[in-house]
Amino acid sequence: SCVCVEVYGLAVSVAQVEAAGLFSGMPVLVLSRSITTNAAPMDVLWATAQQELAARYPGSRHIVAPAGTHNLHLTQRAWFVNSIQEFLTRAQ
């Protein structure tokens, strides 16, 4: 399944982000799905990783969707597009 491939690739992805180092001067937007109070441990880990990713980039913006699942671009399309448009407007 898709989730298994993603989980197996997580360590590699984390290593790639850490190896890339920090950069500044470029706006960064991190969009995340919200997690519930009874979230699975993997969901909590993922939410923490998203917060840490945003913290790596000074001046970044991290926005958490009010609802939705893994595929925010599909399940929260209006919120997703609006968040990106607003971010790009502010970045100009």
PDB file of N, CA and C in Angstrom:
ATOM      1  N   SER A   1       0.833  -1.185   0.000  1.00  0.00           N
ATOM      2  CA  SER A   1       0.000   0.000   0.000  1.00  0.00           C
ATOM      3  C   SER A   1       0.870   1.239   0.000  1.00  0.00           C
ATOM      4  N   CYS A   2       0.282   2.350  -0.338  1.00  0.00           N
ATOM      5  CA  CYS A   2       0.986   3.628  -0.422  1.00  0.00           C
ATOM      6  C   CYS A   2       1.558   4.034   0.931  1.00  0.00           C
ATOM      7  N   VAL A   3       0.806   3.799   2.010  1.00  0.00           N
ATOM      8  CA  VAL A   3       1.250   4.190   3.345  1.00  0.00           C
ATOM      9  C   VAL A   3       2.535   3.467   3.717  1.00  0.00           C
ATOM     10  N   CYS A   4       2.636   2.185   3.390  1.00  0.00           N
ATOM     11  CA  CYS A   4       3.841   1.420   3.724  1.00  0.00           C
ATOM     12  C   CYS A   4       5.064   1.989   3.039  1.00  0.00           C
ATOM     13  N   VAL A   5       4.948   2.330   1.786  1.00  0.00           N
ATOM     14  CA  VAL A   5       6.075   2.911   1.052  1.00  0.00           C
ATOM     15  C   VAL A   5       6.470   4.229   1.686  1.00  0.00           C
ATOM     16  N   GLU A   6       5.499   5.029   2.059  1.00  0.00           N
ATOM     17  CA  GLU A   6       5.777   6.315   2.684  1.00  0.00           C
ATOM     18  C   GLU A   6       6.489   6.138   4.023  1.00  0.00           C
ATOM     19  N   VAL A   7       6.040   5.189   4.822  1.00  0.00           N
ATOM     20  CA  VAL A   7       6.653   4.938   6.126  1.00  0.00           C
ATOM     21  C   VAL A   7       8.094   4.466   5.953  1.00  0.00           C
ATOM     22  N   TYR A   8       8.322   3.554   5.009  1.00  0.00           N
ATOM     23  CA  TYR A   8       9.677   3.055   4.779  1.00  0.00           C
ATOM     24  C   TYR A   8      10.601   4.152   4.272  1.00  0.00           C
ATOM     25  N   GLY A   9      10.064   5.098   3.537  1.00  0.00           N
ATOM     26  CA  GLY A   9      10.881   6.181   2.997  1.00  0.00           C
ATOM     27  C   GLY A   9      11.051   7.349   3.940  1.00  0.00           C
ATOM     28  N   LEU A  10      10.375   7.334   5.085  1.00  0.00           N
ATOM     29  CA  LEU A  10      10.416   8.450   6.015  1.00  0.00           C
ATOM     30  C   LEU A  10      11.823   8.735   6.523  1.00  0.00           C
ATOM     31  N   ALA A  11      12.549   7.720   6.903  1.00  0.00           N
ATOM     32  CA  ALA A  11      13.908   7.924   7.424  1.00  0.00           C
ATOM     33  C   ALA A  11      14.799   8.560   6.360  1.00  0.00           C
ATOM     34  N   VAL A  12      14.653   8.122   5.126  1.00  0.00           N
ATOM     35  CA  VAL A  12      15.452   8.691   4.035  1.00  0.00           C
ATOM     36  C   VAL A  12      15.071  10.158   3.825  1.00  0.00           C
ATOM     37  N   SER A  13      13.785  10.449   3.840  1.00  0.00           N
ATOM     38  CA  SER A  13      13.324  11.829   3.664  1.00  0.00           C
ATOM     39  C   SER A  13      13.851  12.738   4.766  1.00  0.00           C
ATOM     40  N   VAL A  14      13.777  12.273   5.999  1.00  0.00           N
ATOM     41  CA  VAL A  14      14.275  13.062   7.127  1.00  0.00           C
ATOM     42  C   VAL A  14      15.776  13.312   6.969  1.00  0.00           C
ATOM     43  N   ALA A  15      16.525  12.306   6.582  1.00  0.00           N
ATOM     44  CA  ALA A  15      17.972  12.463   6.384  1.00  0.00           C
ATOM     45  C   ALA A  15      18.271  13.466   5.268  1.00  0.00           C
ATOM     46  N   GLN A  16      17.494  13.446   4.208  1.00  0.00           N
ATOM     47  CA  GLN A  16      17.698  14.385   3.109  1.00  0.00           C
ATOM     48  C   GLN A  16      17.440  15.820   3.538  1.00  0.00           C
ATOM     49  N   VAL A  17      16.389  16.027   4.307  1.00  0.00           N
ATOM     50  CA  VAL A  17      16.080  17.377   4.792  1.00  0.00           C
ATOM     51  C   VAL A  17      17.194  17.865   5.712  1.00  0.00           C
ATOM     52  N   GLU A  18      17.653  17.010   6.618  1.00  0.00           N
ATOM     53  CA  GLU A  18      18.715  17.404   7.537  1.00  0.00           C
ATOM     54  C   GLU A  18      20.020  17.680   6.796  1.00  0.00           C
ATOM     55  N   ALA A  19      20.325  16.886   5.777  1.00  0.00           N
ATOM     56  CA  ALA A  19      21.567  17.068   5.010  1.00  0.00           C
ATOM     57  C   ALA A  19      21.526  18.340   4.170  1.00  0.00           C
ATOM     58  N   ALA A  20      20.347  18.785   3.795  1.00  0.00           N
ATOM     59  CA  ALA A  20      20.227  19.978   2.962  1.00  0.00           C
ATOM     60  C   ALA A  20      20.628  21.242   3.714  1.00  0.00           C
ATOM     61  N   GLY A  21      20.590  21.190   5.033  1.00  0.00           N
ATOM     62  CA  GLY A  21      20.962  22.351   5.821  1.00  0.00           C
ATOM     63  C   GLY A  21      19.907  23.433   5.747  1.00  0.00           C
ATOM     64  N   LEU A  22      20.222  24.558   6.340  1.00  0.00           N
ATOM     65  CA  LEU A  22      19.297  25.677   6.381  1.00  0.00           C
ATOM     66  C   LEU A  22      19.582  26.623   5.231  1.00  0.00           C
ATOM     67  N   PHE A  23      18.572  27.293   4.790  1.00  0.00           N
ATOM     68  CA  PHE A  23      18.760  28.364   3.833  1.00  0.00           C
ATOM     69  C   PHE A  23      17.807  29.480   4.203  1.00  0.00           C
ATOM     70  N   SER A  24      18.144  30.663   3.795  1.00  0.00           N
ATOM     71  CA  SER A  24      17.281  31.793   4.105  1.00  0.00           C
ATOM     72  C   SER A  24      17.116  32.628   2.845  1.00  0.00           C
ATOM     73  N   GLY A  25      16.261  33.600   2.939  1.00  0.00           N
ATOM     74  CA  GLY A  25      16.033  34.466   1.810  1.00  0.00           C
ATOM     75  C   GLY A  25      14.956  33.970   0.873  1.00  0.00           C
ATOM     76  N   MET A  26      14.404  32.802   1.134  1.00  0.00           N
ATOM     77  CA  MET A  26      13.340  32.265   0.304  1.00  0.00           C
ATOM     78  C   MET A  26      12.177  31.896   1.209  1.00  0.00           C
ATOM     79  N   PRO A  27      10.982  32.392   0.890  1.00  0.00           N
ATOM     80  CA  PRO A  27       9.838  32.056   1.743  1.00  0.00           C
ATOM     81  C   PRO A  27       9.491  30.571   1.669  1.00  0.00           C
ATOM     82  N   VAL A  28       9.101  30.015   2.814  1.00  0.00           N
ATOM     83  CA  VAL A  28       8.760  28.596   2.903  1.00  0.00           C
ATOM     84  C   VAL A  28       7.377  28.471   3.530  1.00  0.00           C
ATOM     85  N   LEU A  29       6.546  27.651   2.902  1.00  0.00           N
ATOM     86  CA  LEU A  29       5.211  27.374   3.415  1.00  0.00           C
ATOM     87  C   LEU A  29       5.098  25.879   3.674  1.00  0.00           C
ATOM     88  N   VAL A  30       4.650  25.530   4.869  1.00  0.00           N
ATOM     89  CA  VAL A  30       4.394  24.130   5.215  1.00  0.00           C
ATOM     90  C   VAL A  30       2.908  24.028   5.533  1.00  0.00           C
ATOM     91  N   LEU A  31       2.217  23.187   4.776  1.00  0.00           N
ATOM     92  CA  LEU A  31       0.795  22.944   5.009  1.00  0.00           C
ATOM     93  C   LEU A  31       0.634  21.559   5.620  1.00  0.00           C
ATOM     94  N   SER A  32      -0.111  21.484   6.705  1.00  0.00           N
ATOM     95  CA  SER A  32      -0.295  20.211   7.410  1.00  0.00           C
ATOM     96  C   SER A  32      -1.765  19.954   7.672  1.00  0.00           C
ATOM     97  N   ARG A  33      -2.084  18.674   7.791  1.00  0.00           N
ATOM     98  CA  ARG A  33      -3.440  18.326   8.195  1.00  0.00           C
ATOM     99  C   ARG A  33      -3.521  18.371   9.708  1.00  0.00           C
ATOM    100  N   SER A  34      -4.715  18.581  10.209  1.00  0.00           N
ATOM    101  CA  SER A  34      -4.901  18.583  11.653  1.00  0.00           C
ATOM    102  C   SER A  34      -4.950  17.138  12.139  1.00  0.00           C
ATOM    103  N   ILE A  35      -4.626  16.961  13.398  1.00  0.00           N
ATOM    104  CA  ILE A  35      -4.720  15.621  13.977  1.00  0.00           C
ATOM    105  C   ILE A  35      -5.702  15.678  15.146  1.00  0.00           C
ATOM    106  N   THR A  36      -6.343  14.575  15.396  1.00  0.00           N
ATOM    107  CA  THR A  36      -7.336  14.510  16.466  1.00  0.00           C
ATOM    108  C   THR A  36      -6.673  14.127  17.783  1.00  0.00           C
ATOM    109  N   THR A  37      -7.414  14.261  18.850  1.00  0.00           N
ATOM    110  CA  THR A  37      -6.866  13.923  20.168  1.00  0.00           C
ATOM    111  C   THR A  37      -6.578  12.434  20.298  1.00  0.00           C
ATOM    112  N   ASN A  38      -7.257  11.610  19.528  1.00  0.00           N
ATOM    113  CA  ASN A  38      -6.998  10.163  19.583  1.00  0.00           C
ATOM    114  C   ASN A  38      -6.183   9.712  18.367  1.00  0.00           C
ATOM    115  N   ALA A  39      -5.286  10.572  17.903  1.00  0.00           N
ATOM    116  CA  ALA A  39      -4.485  10.284  16.716  1.00  0.00           C
ATOM    117  C   ALA A  39      -3.537   9.111  16.953  1.00  0.00           C
ATOM    118  N   ALA A  40      -3.261   8.410  15.886  1.00  0.00           N
ATOM    119  CA  ALA A  40      -2.298   7.314  15.935  1.00  0.00           C
ATOM    120  C   ALA A  40      -0.901   7.872  16.184  1.00  0.00           C
ATOM    121  N   PRO A  41      -0.015   7.086  16.784  1.00  0.00           N
ATOM    122  CA  PRO A  41       1.349   7.559  17.056  1.00  0.00           C
ATOM    123  C   PRO A  41       2.061   8.086  15.811  1.00  0.00           C
ATOM    124  N   MET A  42       1.838   7.453  14.665  1.00  0.00           N
ATOM    125  CA  MET A  42       2.476   7.927  13.437  1.00  0.00           C
ATOM    126  C   MET A  42       1.981   9.316  13.058  1.00  0.00           C
ATOM    127  N   ASP A  43       0.705   9.599  13.298  1.00  0.00           N
ATOM    128  CA  ASP A  43       0.151  10.920  13.000  1.00  0.00           C
ATOM    129  C   ASP A  43       0.759  11.989  13.902  1.00  0.00           C
ATOM    130  N   VAL A  44       0.943  11.654  15.162  1.00  0.00           N
ATOM    131  CA  VAL A  44       1.566  12.590  16.100  1.00  0.00           C
ATOM    132  C   VAL A  44       3.025  12.841  15.695  1.00  0.00           C
ATOM    133  N   LEU A  45       3.724  11.791  15.336  1.00  0.00           N
ATOM    134  CA  LEU A  45       5.103  11.924  14.873  1.00  0.00           C
ATOM    135  C   LEU A  45       5.166  12.799  13.628  1.00  0.00           C
ATOM    136  N   TRP A  46       4.258  12.587  12.695  1.00  0.00           N
ATOM    137  CA  TRP A  46       4.234  13.358  11.460  1.00  0.00           C
ATOM    138  C   TRP A  46       3.957  14.841  11.752  1.00  0.00           C
ATOM    139  N   ALA A  47       3.015  15.130  12.638  1.00  0.00           N
ATOM    140  CA  ALA A  47       2.695  16.515  12.985  1.00  0.00           C
ATOM    141  C   ALA A  47       3.902  17.202  13.607  1.00  0.00           C
ATOM    142  N   THR A  48       4.615  16.497  14.463  1.00  0.00           N
ATOM    143  CA  THR A  48       5.826  17.048  15.076  1.00  0.00           C
ATOM    144  C   THR A  48       6.885  17.312  14.019  1.00  0.00           C
ATOM    145  N   ALA A  49       7.036  16.398  13.079  1.00  0.00           N
ATOM    146  CA  ALA A  49       8.020  16.570  12.008  1.00  0.00           C
ATOM    147  C   ALA A  49       7.680  17.787  11.145  1.00  0.00           C
ATOM    148  N   GLN A  50       6.402  18.036  10.912  1.00  0.00           N
ATOM    149  CA  GLN A  50       5.992  19.200  10.126  1.00  0.00           C
ATOM    150  C   GLN A  50       6.331  20.491  10.870  1.00  0.00           C
ATOM    151  N   GLN A  51       6.121  20.513  12.179  1.00  0.00           N
ATOM    152  CA  GLN A  51       6.473  21.682  12.986  1.00  0.00           C
ATOM    153  C   GLN A  51       7.981  21.917  12.951  1.00  0.00           C
ATOM    154  N   GLU A  52       8.746  20.844  13.067  1.00  0.00           N
ATOM    155  CA  GLU A  52      10.206  20.956  13.040  1.00  0.00           C
ATOM    156  C   GLU A  52      10.699  21.408  11.670  1.00  0.00           C
ATOM    157  N   LEU A  53      10.061  20.937  10.617  1.00  0.00           N
ATOM    158  CA  LEU A  53      10.437  21.357   9.271  1.00  0.00           C
ATOM    159  C   LEU A  53      10.241  22.859   9.119  1.00  0.00           C
ATOM    160  N   ALA A  54       9.112  23.362   9.525  1.00  0.00           N
ATOM    161  CA  ALA A  54       8.856  24.805   9.436  1.00  0.00           C
ATOM    162  C   ALA A  54       9.849  25.592  10.282  1.00  0.00           C
ATOM    163  N   ALA A  55      10.205  25.076  11.444  1.00  0.00           N
ATOM    164  CA  ALA A  55      11.133  25.771  12.338  1.00  0.00           C
ATOM    165  C   ALA A  55      12.540  25.860  11.760  1.00  0.00           C
ATOM    166  N   ARG A  56      12.877  25.012  10.812  1.00  0.00           N
ATOM    167  CA  ARG A  56      14.208  25.021  10.200  1.00  0.00           C
ATOM    168  C   ARG A  56      14.448  26.249   9.331  1.00  0.00           C
ATOM    169  N   TYR A  57      13.381  26.895   8.897  1.00  0.00           N
ATOM    170  CA  TYR A  57      13.491  27.992   7.942  1.00  0.00           C
ATOM    171  C   TYR A  57      12.992  29.290   8.558  1.00  0.00           C
ATOM    172  N   PRO A  58      13.892  30.221   8.837  1.00  0.00           N
ATOM    173  CA  PRO A  58      13.489  31.500   9.433  1.00  0.00           C
ATOM    174  C   PRO A  58      12.430  32.191   8.573  1.00  0.00           C
ATOM    175  N   GLY A  59      11.384  32.666   9.219  1.00  0.00           N
ATOM    176  CA  GLY A  59      10.330  33.377   8.521  1.00  0.00           C
ATOM    177  C   GLY A  59       9.356  32.481   7.794  1.00  0.00           C
ATOM    178  N   SER A  60       9.451  31.178   8.002  1.00  0.00           N
ATOM    179  CA  SER A  60       8.540  30.264   7.322  1.00  0.00           C
ATOM    180  C   SER A  60       7.129  30.434   7.870  1.00  0.00           C
ATOM    181  N   ARG A  61       6.197  29.876   7.162  1.00  0.00           N
ATOM    182  CA  ARG A  61       4.812  29.886   7.615  1.00  0.00           C
ATOM    183  C   ARG A  61       4.312  28.453   7.659  1.00  0.00           C
ATOM    184  N   HIS A  62       3.768  28.048   8.790  1.00  0.00           N
ATOM    185  CA  HIS A  62       3.217  26.706   8.958  1.00  0.00           C
ATOM    186  C   HIS A  62       1.730  26.859   9.251  1.00  0.00           C
ATOM    187  N   ILE A  63       0.911  26.303   8.374  1.00  0.00           N
ATOM    188  CA  ILE A  63      -0.537  26.408   8.525  1.00  0.00           C
ATOM    189  C   ILE A  63      -1.113  25.003   8.642  1.00  0.00           C
ATOM    190  N   VAL A  64      -1.972  24.820   9.637  1.00  0.00           N
ATOM    191  CA  VAL A  64      -2.616  23.529   9.858  1.00  0.00           C
ATOM    192  C   VAL A  64      -4.067  23.633   9.390  1.00  0.00           C
ATOM    193  N   ALA A  65      -4.474  22.692   8.571  1.00  0.00           N
ATOM    194  CA  ALA A  65      -5.841  22.668   8.038  1.00  0.00           C
ATOM    195  C   ALA A  65      -6.844  22.482   9.166  1.00  0.00           C
ATOM    196  N   PRO A  66      -8.005  23.096   9.030  1.00  0.00           N
ATOM    197  CA  PRO A  66      -9.033  22.933  10.053  1.00  0.00           C
ATOM    198  C   PRO A  66      -9.612  21.522  10.078  1.00  0.00           C
ATOM    199  N   ALA A  67      -9.473  20.794   9.008  1.00  0.00           N
ATOM    200  CA  ALA A  67      -9.968  19.421   8.907  1.00  0.00           C
ATOM    201  C   ALA A  67      -9.222  18.765   7.754  1.00  0.00           C
ATOM    202  N   GLY A  68      -9.572  17.541   7.467  1.00  0.00           N
ATOM    203  CA  GLY A  68      -8.986  16.904   6.306  1.00  0.00           C
ATOM    204  C   GLY A  68      -8.167  15.683   6.637  1.00  0.00           C
ATOM    205  N   THR A  69      -7.801  15.014   5.577  1.00  0.00           N
ATOM    206  CA  THR A  69      -7.009  13.809   5.703  1.00  0.00           C
ATOM    207  C   THR A  69      -5.661  14.038   5.047  1.00  0.00           C
ATOM    208  N   HIS A  70      -4.985  12.977   4.757  1.00  0.00           N
ATOM    209  CA  HIS A  70      -3.637  13.043   4.203  1.00  0.00           C
ATOM    210  C   HIS A  70      -3.569  13.861   2.911  1.00  0.00           C
ATOM    211  N   ASN A  71      -4.567  13.764   2.073  1.00  0.00           N
ATOM    212  CA  ASN A  71      -4.552  14.441   0.772  1.00  0.00           C
ATOM    213  C   ASN A  71      -5.276  15.780   0.843  1.00  0.00           C
ATOM    214  N   LEU A  72      -4.671  16.745   1.515  1.00  0.00           N
ATOM    215  CA  LEU A  72      -5.310  18.045   1.707  1.00  0.00           C
ATOM    216  C   LEU A  72      -5.657  18.727   0.396  1.00  0.00           C
ATOM    217  N   HIS A  73      -4.836  18.534  -0.608  1.00  0.00           N
ATOM    218  CA  HIS A  73      -5.107  19.171  -1.897  1.00  0.00           C
ATOM    219  C   HIS A  73      -6.400  18.653  -2.520  1.00  0.00           C
ATOM    220  N   LEU A  74      -6.877  17.505  -2.048  1.00  0.00           N
ATOM    221  CA  LEU A  74      -8.147  16.952  -2.533  1.00  0.00           C
ATOM    222  C   LEU A  74      -9.278  17.164  -1.539  1.00  0.00           C
ATOM    223  N   THR A  75      -9.020  16.884  -0.262  1.00  0.00           N
ATOM    224  CA  THR A  75     -10.082  16.920   0.741  1.00  0.00           C
ATOM    225  C   THR A  75     -10.394  18.323   1.240  1.00  0.00           C
ATOM    226  N   GLN A  76      -9.438  19.223   1.159  1.00  0.00           N
ATOM    227  CA  GLN A  76      -9.619  20.611   1.609  1.00  0.00           C
ATOM    228  C   GLN A  76      -9.146  21.564   0.507  1.00  0.00           C
ATOM    229  N   ARG A  77      -9.608  21.305  -0.706  1.00  0.00           N
ATOM    230  CA  ARG A  77      -9.112  22.029  -1.888  1.00  0.00           C
ATOM    231  C   ARG A  77      -9.187  23.553  -1.739  1.00  0.00           C
ATOM    232  N   ALA A  78     -10.321  24.094  -1.336  1.00  0.00           N
ATOM    233  CA  ALA A  78     -10.473  25.548  -1.224  1.00  0.00           C
ATOM    234  C   ALA A  78      -9.486  26.113  -0.203  1.00  0.00           C
ATOM    235  N   TRP A  79      -9.386  25.466   0.963  1.00  0.00           N
ATOM    236  CA  TRP A  79      -8.438  25.912   1.994  1.00  0.00           C
ATOM    237  C   TRP A  79      -7.008  25.841   1.466  1.00  0.00           C
ATOM    238  N   PHE A  80      -6.676  24.771   0.791  1.00  0.00           N
ATOM    239  CA  PHE A  80      -5.337  24.537   0.261  1.00  0.00           C
ATOM    240  C   PHE A  80      -4.954  25.642  -0.735  1.00  0.00           C
ATOM    241  N   VAL A  81      -5.811  25.882  -1.714  1.00  0.00           N
ATOM    242  CA  VAL A  81      -5.530  26.891  -2.740  1.00  0.00           C
ATOM    243  C   VAL A  81      -5.465  28.278  -2.112  1.00  0.00           C
ATOM    244  N   ASN A  82      -6.403  28.597  -1.221  1.00  0.00           N
ATOM    245  CA  ASN A  82      -6.415  29.897  -0.569  1.00  0.00           C
ATOM    246  C   ASN A  82      -5.149  30.115   0.255  1.00  0.00           C
ATOM    247  N   SER A  83      -4.692  29.093   0.957  1.00  0.00           N
ATOM    248  CA  SER A  83      -3.478  29.215   1.768  1.00  0.00           C
ATOM    249  C   SER A  83      -2.266  29.519   0.903  1.00  0.00           C
ATOM    250  N   ILE A  84      -2.161  28.869  -0.222  1.00  0.00           N
ATOM    251  CA  ILE A  84      -1.029  29.101  -1.120  1.00  0.00           C
ATOM    252  C   ILE A  84      -1.116  30.487  -1.757  1.00  0.00           C
ATOM    253  N   GLN A  85      -2.304  30.868  -2.204  1.00  0.00           N
ATOM    254  CA  GLN A  85      -2.459  32.189  -2.810  1.00  0.00           C
ATOM    255  C   GLN A  85      -2.124  33.300  -1.816  1.00  0.00           C
ATOM    256  N   GLU A  86      -2.593  33.169  -0.596  1.00  0.00           N
ATOM    257  CA  GLU A  86      -2.304  34.161   0.437  1.00  0.00           C
ATOM    258  C   GLU A  86      -0.802  34.215   0.724  1.00  0.00           C
ATOM    259  N   PHE A  87      -0.175  33.053   0.804  1.00  0.00           N
ATOM    260  CA  PHE A  87       1.266  33.000   1.056  1.00  0.00           C
ATOM    261  C   PHE A  87       2.046  33.682  -0.062  1.00  0.00           C
ATOM    262  N   LEU A  88       1.678  33.413  -1.293  1.00  0.00           N
ATOM    263  CA  LEU A  88       2.376  34.010  -2.444  1.00  0.00           C
ATOM    264  C   LEU A  88       2.156  35.518  -2.496  1.00  0.00           C
ATOM    265  N   THR A  89       0.980  35.970  -2.125  1.00  0.00           N
ATOM    266  CA  THR A  89       0.702  37.414  -2.096  1.00  0.00           C
ATOM    267  C   THR A  89       1.589  38.080  -1.060  1.00  0.00           C
ATOM    268  N   ARG A  90       1.704  37.499   0.097  1.00  0.00           N
ATOM    269  CA  ARG A  90       2.549  38.064   1.166  1.00  0.00           C
ATOM    270  C   ARG A  90       4.032  38.021   0.802  1.00  0.00           C
ATOM    271  N   ALA A  91       4.434  37.024   0.027  1.00  0.00           N
ATOM    272  CA  ALA A  91       5.843  36.846  -0.311  1.00  0.00           C
ATOM    273  C   ALA A  91       6.335  37.869  -1.341  1.00  0.00           C
ATOM    274  N   GLN A  92       5.416  38.493  -2.039  1.00  0.00           N
ATOM    275  CA  GLN A  92       5.825  39.433  -3.089  1.00  0.00           C
ATOM    276  C   GLN A  92       6.267  40.750  -2.523  1.00  0.00           C
TER     277      GLN A  92
END
